[in-house]
C-alpha atoms as a PDB file:
ATOM      1  CA  UNK A   1     -12.292  49.394  58.904  1.00  0.00           C
ATOM      2  CA  UNK A   2     -10.243  46.968  56.818  1.00  0.00           C
ATOM      3  CA  UNK A   3     -11.699  43.515  56.262  1.00  0.00           C
ATOM      4  CA  UNK A   4      -8.252  41.965  56.686  1.00  0.00           C
ATOM      5  CA  UNK A   5      -5.143  43.496  58.236  1.00  0.00           C
ATOM      6  CA  UNK A   6      -1.883  41.570  58.091  1.00  0.00           C
ATOM      7  CA  UNK A   7       0.981  43.083  60.098  1.00  0.00           C
ATOM      8  CA  UNK A   8       4.623  41.953  60.040  1.00  0.00           C
ATOM      9  CA  UNK A   9       3.722  38.291  59.422  1.00  0.00           C
ATOM     10  CA  UNK A  10       6.654  35.863  59.402  1.00  0.00           C
ATOM     11  CA  UNK A  11       7.111  32.107  59.084  1.00  0.00           C
ATOM     12  CA  UNK A  12      10.217  29.923  58.792  1.00  0.00           C
ATOM     13  CA  UNK A  13      10.681  26.177  58.388  1.00  0.00           C
ATOM     14  CA  UNK A  14      13.865  24.732  59.922  1.00  0.00           C
ATOM     15  CA  UNK A  15      15.592  28.065  59.575  1.00  0.00           C
ATOM     16  CA  UNK A  16      14.440  28.700  55.990  1.00  0.00           C
ATOM     17  CA  UNK A  17      12.350  31.885  55.843  1.00  0.00           C
ATOM     18  CA  UNK A  18       9.131  31.342  53.873  1.00  0.00           C
ATOM     19  CA  UNK A  19       7.378  34.614  54.761  1.00  0.00           C
ATOM     20  CA  UNK A  20       9.335  37.645  55.905  1.00  0.00           C
ATOM     21  CA  UNK A  21       7.681  40.682  57.546  1.00  0.00           C
ATOM     22  CA  UNK A  22       4.552  40.644  55.356  1.00  0.00           C
ATOM     23  CA  UNK A  23       2.057  43.492  55.843  1.00  0.00           C
ATOM     24  CA  UNK A  24      -1.014  44.402  53.775  1.00  0.00           C
ATOM     25  CA  UNK A  25      -4.749  45.045  54.007  1.00  0.00           C
ATOM     26  CA  UNK A  26      -7.886  44.012  52.137  1.00  0.00           C
ATOM     27  CA  UNK A  27     -10.647  46.590  52.117  1.00  0.00           C
ATOM     28  CA  UNK A  28     -14.450  46.089  51.906  1.00  0.00           C
ATOM     29  CA  UNK A  29     -15.552  45.049  48.422  1.00  0.00           C
ATOM     30  CA  UNK A  30     -11.994  44.711  47.130  1.00  0.00           C
ATOM     31  CA  UNK A  31     -10.539  41.965  44.960  1.00  0.00           C
ATOM     32  CA  UNK A  32      -6.837  41.737  45.762  1.00  0.00           C
ATOM     33  CA  UNK A  33      -4.406  39.475  43.907  1.00  0.00           C
ATOM     34  CA  UNK A  34      -1.366  37.984  45.647  1.00  0.00           C
ATOM     35  CA  UNK A  35       1.177  36.935  43.026  1.00  0.00           C
ATOM     36  CA  UNK A  36       4.796  35.827  42.808  1.00  0.00           C
ATOM     37  CA  UNK A  37       7.047  33.120  41.360  1.00  0.00           C
ATOM     38  CA  UNK A  38       7.322  29.610  42.784  1.00  0.00           C
ATOM     39  CA  UNK A  39       8.610  29.715  46.351  1.00  0.00           C
ATOM     40  CA  UNK A  40       7.577  33.323  46.861  1.00  0.00           C
ATOM     41  CA  UNK A  41       5.590  32.481  50.004  1.00  0.00           C
ATOM     42  CA  UNK A  42       2.035  32.790  48.661  1.00  0.00           C
ATOM     43  CA  UNK A  43       0.799  29.388  49.844  1.00  0.00           C
ATOM     44  CA  UNK A  44       2.439  29.754  53.251  1.00  0.00           C
ATOM     45  CA  UNK A  45       0.768  33.148  53.630  1.00  0.00           C
ATOM     46  CA  UNK A  46      -2.623  31.719  52.685  1.00  0.00           C
ATOM     47  CA  UNK A  47      -2.184  28.835  55.106  1.00  0.00           C
ATOM     48  CA  UNK A  48      -1.478  31.253  57.946  1.00  0.00           C
ATOM     49  CA  UNK A  49      -4.502  33.386  57.059  1.00  0.00           C
ATOM     50  CA  UNK A  50      -6.653  30.252  56.971  1.00  0.00           C
ATOM     51  CA  UNK A  51      -5.342  28.831  60.247  1.00  0.00           C
ATOM     52  CA  UNK A  52      -3.509  25.853  58.804  1.00  0.00           C
ATOM     53  CA  UNK A  53      -0.189  27.308  59.951  1.00  0.00           C
ATOM     54  CA  UNK A  54       0.610  29.438  63.001  1.00  0.00           C
ATOM     55  CA  UNK A  55       2.798  32.490  62.324  1.00  0.00           C
ATOM     56  CA  UNK A  56       6.150  32.762  64.068  1.00  0.00           C
ATOM     57  CA  UNK A  57       5.587  36.486  64.351  1.00  0.00           C
ATOM     58  CA  UNK A  58       3.056  39.152  63.404  1.00  0.00           C
ATOM     59  CA  UNK A  59      -0.716  39.471  63.553  1.00  0.00           C
ATOM     60  CA  UNK A  60      -3.806  38.786  61.450  1.00  0.00           C
ATOM     61  CA  UNK A  61      -6.939  40.822  62.094  1.00  0.00           C
ATOM     62  CA  UNK A  62     -10.394  40.309  60.610  1.00  0.00           C
ATOM     63  CA  UNK A  63     -12.536  43.451  60.943  1.00  0.00           C
ATOM     64  CA  UNK A  64     -10.210  44.513  63.743  1.00  0.00           C
ATOM     65  CA  UNK A  65     -10.442  41.214  65.648  1.00  0.00           C
ATOM     66  CA  UNK A  66      -7.143  39.417  66.207  1.00  0.00           C
ATOM     67  CA  UNK A  67      -7.485  35.899  64.737  1.00  0.00           C
ATOM     68  CA  UNK A  68      -3.766  35.080  64.757  1.00  0.00           C
ATOM     69  CA  UNK A  69      -3.199  31.383  65.403  1.00  0.00           C
ATOM     70  CA  UNK A  70      -6.878  30.483  65.480  1.00  0.00           C
ATOM     71  CA  UNK A  71      -7.764  27.013  64.162  1.00  0.00           C
ATOM     72  CA  UNK A  72      -9.200  26.740  60.660  1.00  0.00           C
ATOM     73  CA  UNK A  73     -12.730  25.875  61.779  1.00  0.00           C
ATOM     74  CA  UNK A  74     -12.938  28.854  64.123  1.00  0.00           C
ATOM     75  CA  UNK A  75     -11.670  31.207  61.402  1.00  0.00           C
ATOM     76  CA  UNK A  76     -14.273  29.825  58.996  1.00  0.00           C
ATOM     77  CA  UNK A  77     -17.017  30.490  61.532  1.00  0.00           C
ATOM     78  CA  UNK A  78     -15.741  34.056  61.880  1.00  0.00           C
ATOM     79  CA  UNK A  79     -16.471  34.575  58.168  1.00  0.00           C
ATOM     80  CA  UNK A  80     -13.498  33.392  56.105  1.00  0.00           C
ATOM     81  CA  UNK A  81     -14.176  31.063  53.179  1.00  0.00           C
ATOM     82  CA  UNK A  82     -11.613  29.360  50.963  1.00  0.00           C
ATOM     83  CA  UNK A  83     -11.333  27.583  47.631  1.00  0.00           C
ATOM     84  CA  UNK A  84      -8.331  25.482  46.675  1.00  0.00           C
ATOM     85  CA  UNK A  85      -6.145  24.979  43.607  1.00  0.00           C
ATOM     86  CA  UNK A  86      -7.306  21.361  43.424  1.00  0.00           C
ATOM     87  CA  UNK A  87     -11.079  21.193  43.678  1.00  0.00           C
ATOM     88  CA  UNK A  88     -12.458  19.513  46.784  1.00  0.00           C
ATOM     89  CA  UNK A  89     -15.909  18.127  46.055  1.00  0.00           C
ATOM     90  CA  UNK A  90     -17.700  14.798  46.605  1.00  0.00           C
ATOM     91  CA  UNK A  91     -17.971  13.110  43.209  1.00  0.00           C
ATOM     92  CA  UNK A  92     -20.496  10.491  44.333  1.00  0.00           C
ATOM     93  CA  UNK A  93     -22.924  13.146  45.616  1.00  0.00           C
ATOM     94  CA  UNK A  94     -25.147  15.258  43.435  1.00  0.00           C
ATOM     95  CA  UNK A  95     -24.230  18.870  42.844  1.00  0.00           C
ATOM     96  CA  UNK A  96     -27.021  19.954  45.205  1.00  0.00           C
ATOM     97  CA  UNK A  97     -25.946  17.492  47.908  1.00  0.00           C
ATOM     98  CA  UNK A  98     -22.414  18.920  47.867  1.00  0.00           C
ATOM     99  CA  UNK A  99     -23.813  22.324  48.740  1.00  0.00           C
ATOM    100  CA  UNK A 100     -26.281  20.869  51.253  1.00  0.00           C
ATOM    101  CA  UNK A 101     -23.401  19.100  53.019  1.00  0.00           C
ATOM    102  CA  UNK A 102     -21.578  22.419  53.309  1.00  0.00           C
ATOM    103  CA  UNK A 103     -24.719  24.077  54.673  1.00  0.00           C
ATOM    104  CA  UNK A 104     -25.022  21.349  57.303  1.00  0.00           C
ATOM    105  CA  UNK A 105     -21.439  21.967  58.417  1.00  0.00           C
ATOM    106  CA  UNK A 106     -21.795  25.749  58.555  1.00  0.00           C
ATOM    107  CA  UNK A 107     -25.035  25.509  60.517  1.00  0.00           C
ATOM    108  CA  UNK A 108     -23.432  23.070  62.955  1.00  0.00           C
ATOM    109  CA  UNK A 109     -25.793  20.210  62.206  1.00  0.00           C
ATOM    110  CA  UNK A 110     -23.067  17.672  61.472  1.00  0.00           C
ATOM    111  CA  UNK A 111     -23.630  15.773  64.730  1.00  0.00           C
ATOM    112  CA  UNK A 112     -27.395  15.516  64.257  1.00  0.00           C
ATOM    113  CA  UNK A 113     -28.037  11.863  63.384  1.00  0.00           C
ATOM    114  CA  UNK A 114     -31.304  12.808  61.695  1.00  0.00           C
ATOM    115  CA  UNK A 115     -29.731  15.346  59.342  1.00  0.00           C
ATOM    116  CA  UNK A 116     -29.432  14.015  55.787  1.00  0.00           C
ATOM    117  CA  UNK A 117     -27.885  16.104  53.044  1.00  0.00           C
ATOM    118  CA  UNK A 118     -30.540  15.225  50.476  1.00  0.00           C
ATOM    119  CA  UNK A 119     -33.287  16.734  52.655  1.00  0.00           C
ATOM    120  CA  UNK A 120     -31.430  19.687  54.165  1.00  0.00           C
ATOM    121  CA  UNK A 121     -32.663  23.101  52.969  1.00  0.00           C
ATOM    122  CA  UNK A 122     -32.722  22.380  49.224  1.00  0.00           C
ATOM    123  CA  UNK A 123     -34.007  25.897  48.546  1.00  0.00           C
ATOM    124  CA  UNK A 124     -30.871  27.476  50.037  1.00  0.00           C
ATOM    125  CA  UNK A 125     -28.674  25.050  48.101  1.00  0.00           C
ATOM    126  CA  UNK A 126     -30.473  25.797  44.850  1.00  0.00           C
ATOM    127  CA  UNK A 127     -30.140  29.540  45.422  1.00  0.00           C
ATOM    128  CA  UNK A 128     -26.379  29.162  45.777  1.00  0.00           C
ATOM    129  CA  UNK A 129     -26.228  27.016  42.668  1.00  0.00           C
ATOM    130  CA  UNK A 130     -28.176  29.649  40.751  1.00  0.00           C
ATOM    131  CA  UNK A 131     -25.663  32.256  41.908  1.00  0.00           C
ATOM    132  CA  UNK A 132     -22.817  30.334  40.251  1.00  0.00           C
ATOM    133  CA  UNK A 133     -24.838  29.233  37.208  1.00  0.00           C
ATOM    134  CA  UNK A 134     -25.243  25.562  38.121  1.00  0.00           C
ATOM    135  CA  UNK A 135     -28.941  25.411  38.956  1.00  0.00           C
ATOM    136  CA  UNK A 136     -29.702  23.198  35.941  1.00  0.00           C
ATOM    137  CA  UNK A 137     -27.032  20.711  37.046  1.00  0.00           C
ATOM    138  CA  UNK A 138     -28.337  20.352  40.618  1.00  0.00           C
ATOM    139  CA  UNK A 139     -29.363  16.695  40.285  1.00  0.00           C
ATOM    140  CA  UNK A 140     -26.287  15.503  38.404  1.00  0.00           C
ATOM    141  CA  UNK A 141     -23.484  13.641  40.194  1.00  0.00           C
ATOM    142  CA  UNK A 142     -20.605  16.034  40.767  1.00  0.00           C
ATOM    143  CA  UNK A 143     -18.283  13.506  39.114  1.00  0.00           C
ATOM    144  CA  UNK A 144     -19.994  14.198  35.790  1.00  0.00           C
ATOM    145  CA  UNK A 145     -19.266  17.925  35.793  1.00  0.00           C
ATOM    146  CA  UNK A 146     -16.732  19.477  33.467  1.00  0.00           C
ATOM    147  CA  UNK A 147     -13.703  20.889  35.265  1.00  0.00           C
ATOM    148  CA  UNK A 148     -14.834  24.492  34.919  1.00  0.00           C
ATOM    149  CA  UNK A 149     -18.189  23.614  36.469  1.00  0.00           C
ATOM    150  CA  UNK A 150     -16.426  21.860  39.350  1.00  0.00           C
ATOM    151  CA  UNK A 151     -14.691  25.155  40.073  1.00  0.00           C
ATOM    152  CA  UNK A 152     -18.088  26.856  40.145  1.00  0.00           C
ATOM    153  CA  UNK A 153     -19.417  24.178  42.485  1.00  0.00           C
ATOM    154  CA  UNK A 154     -16.481  24.710  44.832  1.00  0.00           C
ATOM    155  CA  UNK A 155     -17.285  28.426  44.796  1.00  0.00           C
ATOM    156  CA  UNK A 156     -20.903  27.685  45.757  1.00  0.00           C
ATOM    157  CA  UNK A 157     -19.652  25.494  48.615  1.00  0.00           C
ATOM    158  CA  UNK A 158     -17.360  28.298  49.814  1.00  0.00           C
ATOM    159  CA  UNK A 159     -20.239  30.776  49.681  1.00  0.00           C
ATOM    160  CA  UNK A 160     -22.484  28.518  51.771  1.00  0.00           C
ATOM    161  CA  UNK A 161     -20.949  29.941  54.944  1.00  0.00           C
ATOM    162  CA  UNK A 162     -21.742  33.545  53.879  1.00  0.00           C
ATOM    163  CA  UNK A 163     -18.075  34.570  54.117  1.00  0.00           C
ATOM    164  CA  UNK A 164     -17.033  38.155  54.661  1.00  0.00           C
ATOM    165  CA  UNK A 165     -13.609  37.325  53.221  1.00  0.00           C
ATOM    166  CA  UNK A 166     -13.062  34.762  50.473  1.00  0.00           C
ATOM    167  CA  UNK A 167      -9.580  33.294  49.991  1.00  0.00           C
ATOM    168  CA  UNK A 168      -9.144  31.759  46.530  1.00  0.00           C
ATOM    169  CA  UNK A 169      -5.986  29.753  45.879  1.00  0.00           C
ATOM    170  CA  UNK A 170      -5.307  29.588  42.111  1.00  0.00           C
ATOM    171  CA  UNK A 171      -9.051  29.666  41.302  1.00  0.00           C
ATOM    172  CA  UNK A 172      -8.569  29.311  37.523  1.00  0.00           C
ATOM    173  CA  UNK A 173      -5.843  26.648  37.537  1.00  0.00           C
ATOM    174  CA  UNK A 174      -6.434  24.060  34.803  1.00  0.00           C
ATOM    175  CA  UNK A 175      -9.164  26.073  33.076  1.00  0.00           C
ATOM    176  CA  UNK A 176      -9.258  27.293  29.475  1.00  0.00           C
ATOM    177  CA  UNK A 177      -8.599  31.047  29.020  1.00  0.00           C
ATOM    178  CA  UNK A 178     -12.247  31.885  28.321  1.00  0.00           C
ATOM    179  CA  UNK A 179     -13.402  29.911  31.361  1.00  0.00           C
ATOM    180  CA  UNK A 180     -10.869  31.717  33.547  1.00  0.00           C
ATOM    181  CA  UNK A 181     -12.188  35.134  32.629  1.00  0.00           C
ATOM    182  CA  UNK A 182     -15.811  34.016  33.024  1.00  0.00           C
ATOM    183  CA  UNK A 183     -15.186  32.571  36.499  1.00  0.00           C
ATOM    184  CA  UNK A 184     -13.421  35.663  37.757  1.00  0.00           C
ATOM    185  CA  UNK A 185     -16.086  37.925  36.255  1.00  0.00           C
ATOM    186  CA  UNK A 186     -18.590  35.907  38.294  1.00  0.00           C
ATOM    187  CA  UNK A 187     -16.462  36.338  41.426  1.00  0.00           C
ATOM    188  CA  UNK A 188     -16.354  40.079  40.741  1.00  0.00           C
ATOM    189  CA  UNK A 189     -20.161  40.153  40.464  1.00  0.00           C
ATOM    190  CA  UNK A 190     -20.507  38.288  43.759  1.00  0.00           C
ATOM    191  CA  UNK A 191     -17.988  40.544  45.514  1.00  0.00           C
ATOM    192  CA  UNK A 192     -19.752  43.661  44.211  1.00  0.00           C
ATOM    193  CA  UNK A 193     -23.092  42.709  45.774  1.00  0.00           C
ATOM    194  CA  UNK A 194     -24.204  44.650  48.829  1.00  0.00           C
ATOM    195  CA  UNK A 195     -23.455  41.708  51.145  1.00  0.00           C
ATOM    196  CA  UNK A 196     -20.680  40.219  49.016  1.00  0.00           C
ATOM    197  CA  UNK A 197     -17.307  39.151  50.406  1.00  0.00           C
ATOM    198  CA  UNK A 198     -13.987  40.817  49.830  1.00  0.00           C
ATOM    199  CA  UNK A 199     -11.668  38.530  47.868  1.00  0.00           C
ATOM    200  CA  UNK A 200      -7.968  37.726  48.194  1.00  0.00           C
ATOM    201  CA  UNK A 201      -6.721  35.402  45.456  1.00  0.00           C
ATOM    202  CA  UNK A 202      -3.500  33.935  44.143  1.00  0.00           C
ATOM    203  CA  UNK A 203      -3.243  33.502  40.396  1.00  0.00           C
ATOM    204  CA  UNK A 204      -0.671  32.570  37.750  1.00  0.00           C
ATOM    205  CA  UNK A 205      -2.501  34.052  34.761  1.00  0.00           C
ATOM    206  CA  UNK A 206      -1.547  37.712  34.582  1.00  0.00           C
ATOM    207  CA  UNK A 207      -4.337  38.462  32.105  1.00  0.00           C
ATOM    208  CA  UNK A 208      -6.802  37.385  34.803  1.00  0.00           C
ATOM    209  CA  UNK A 209      -4.949  39.383  37.469  1.00  0.00           C
ATOM    210  CA  UNK A 210      -4.802  42.575  35.428  1.00  0.00           C
ATOM    211  CA  UNK A 211      -8.434  42.265  34.342  1.00  0.00           C
ATOM    212  CA  UNK A 212     -10.014  41.588  37.731  1.00  0.00           C
ATOM    213  CA  UNK A 213      -7.807  42.693  40.640  1.00  0.00           C
ATOM    214  CA  UNK A 214      -8.404  46.101  42.199  1.00  0.00           C
ATOM    215  CA  UNK A 215      -4.963  45.877  43.725  1.00  0.00           C
ATOM    216  CA  UNK A 216      -2.003  43.552  43.224  1.00  0.00           C
ATOM    217  CA  UNK A 217       0.483  42.395  45.855  1.00  0.00           C
ATOM    218  CA  UNK A 218       3.748  40.923  44.563  1.00  0.00           C
ATOM    219  CA  UNK A 219       5.862  38.616  46.723  1.00  0.00           C
ATOM    220  CA  UNK A 220       9.372  37.299  46.164  1.00  0.00           C
ATOM    221  CA  UNK A 221      11.420  35.179  48.554  1.00  0.00           C
ATOM    222  CA  UNK A 222       8.870  35.664  51.302  1.00  0.00           C
ATOM    223  CA  UNK A 223       8.730  39.443  51.157  1.00  0.00           C
ATOM    224  CA  UNK A 224       6.345  41.943  49.611  1.00  0.00           C
ATOM    225  CA  UNK A 225       8.246  43.769  46.863  1.00  0.00           C
ATOM    226  CA  UNK A 226       5.471  45.755  45.164  1.00  0.00           C
ATOM    227  CA  UNK A 227       1.840  46.797  45.586  1.00  0.00           C
ATOM    228  CA  UNK A 228      -0.500  48.733  43.326  1.00  0.00           C
ATOM    229  CA  UNK A 229      -2.813  48.685  40.345  1.00  0.00           C
ATOM    230  CA  UNK A 230      -2.230  46.810  37.110  1.00  0.00           C
ATOM    231  CA  UNK A 231      -0.396  49.599  35.319  1.00  0.00           C
ATOM    232  CA  UNK A 232       1.944  50.284  38.226  1.00  0.00           C
ATOM    233  CA  UNK A 233       2.759  46.584  38.601  1.00  0.00           C
ATOM    234  CA  UNK A 234       3.440  46.209  34.866  1.00  0.00           C
ATOM    235  CA  UNK A 235       5.994  49.013  35.007  1.00  0.00           C
ATOM    236  CA  UNK A 236       7.577  48.243  38.381  1.00  0.00           C
ATOM    237  CA  UNK A 237      11.297  47.420  37.823  1.00  0.00           C
ATOM    238  CA  UNK A 238      11.460  45.003  40.767  1.00  0.00           C
ATOM    239  CA  UNK A 239       8.492  43.039  39.446  1.00  0.00           C
ATOM    240  CA  UNK A 240       9.943  42.903  35.939  1.00  0.00           C
ATOM    241  CA  UNK A 241      13.227  41.643  37.317  1.00  0.00           C
ATOM    242  CA  UNK A 242      11.526  38.888  39.318  1.00  0.00           C
ATOM    243  CA  UNK A 243       9.450  37.692  36.375  1.00  0.00           C
ATOM    244  CA  UNK A 244      11.729  38.451  33.459  1.00  0.00           C
ATOM    245  CA  UNK A 245      15.229  38.593  34.830  1.00  0.00           C
ATOM    246  CA  UNK A 246      15.425  42.291  34.042  1.00  0.00           C
ATOM    247  CA  UNK A 247      14.617  41.858  30.351  1.00  0.00           C
ATOM    248  CA  UNK A 248      11.759  43.291  28.327  1.00  0.00           C
ATOM    249  CA  UNK A 249       8.454  41.501  28.024  1.00  0.00           C
ATOM    250  CA  UNK A 250       4.703  41.777  28.161  1.00  0.00           C
ATOM    251  CA  UNK A 251       2.246  41.181  30.962  1.00  0.00           C
ATOM    252  CA  UNK A 252       1.362  37.875  29.292  1.00  0.00           C
ATOM    253  CA  UNK A 253       4.955  36.671  29.522  1.00  0.00           C
ATOM    254  CA  UNK A 254       4.994  37.713  33.179  1.00  0.00           C
ATOM    255  CA  UNK A 255       1.980  35.481  33.623  1.00  0.00           C
ATOM    256  CA  UNK A 256       3.787  32.499  32.148  1.00  0.00           C
ATOM    257  CA  UNK A 257       6.513  32.928  34.751  1.00  0.00           C
ATOM    258  CA  UNK A 258       4.177  32.895  37.738  1.00  0.00           C
ATOM    259  CA  UNK A 259       3.012  29.675  39.359  1.00  0.00           C
END
């Protein structure tokens, strides 16, 4: 059974079509990249999958269960985690406390007046930090972390809910090339674990996409125009036209065009 099944999804804003008849799947253990130029419909698609937007038409199924139109919190409890292009962490808290706060939320302890982040299951928080390579930074304020480490912290927070599907919106945005590859190699390691989540990610760096995606979905003007492995996407004439205007170019130059 597919982890995620998207069928004929559509969304328009004041008559302007943002997503048009989008269908695809994500299979167990897969890392799938969703790419396309600005305005292609990637963010709108993610926001429908995550429950921030309700589709005008179509369905979203998680392990066969219809979650179309569910609110974000309910989708998260069903096993969907998400990271964002702009990191969302608490700078005044320690690295460990950021993860502990997420654990409190996922275990539904947020309304317990006696629950304090600093005392809540530090062992579980430290295990998640070790997974992303931040165990030695556990007691540092998150505000002191380098940007690449903030991305790792956000990943640990997303993993705190033990997601079965992880949505990553531009996970390497703002990172140096070496950091990008290292982060996505870590995501691959996590996804490859026996209980690891499948991953659907958007990304502008085509080197990262080609190196780490099992399958690539290409959108343009709200519609899916191509799907396949790295080599097929590199050679697809529709993809080359979208990124390069029909001219010749390398995968790296395709990456510069995506955002």
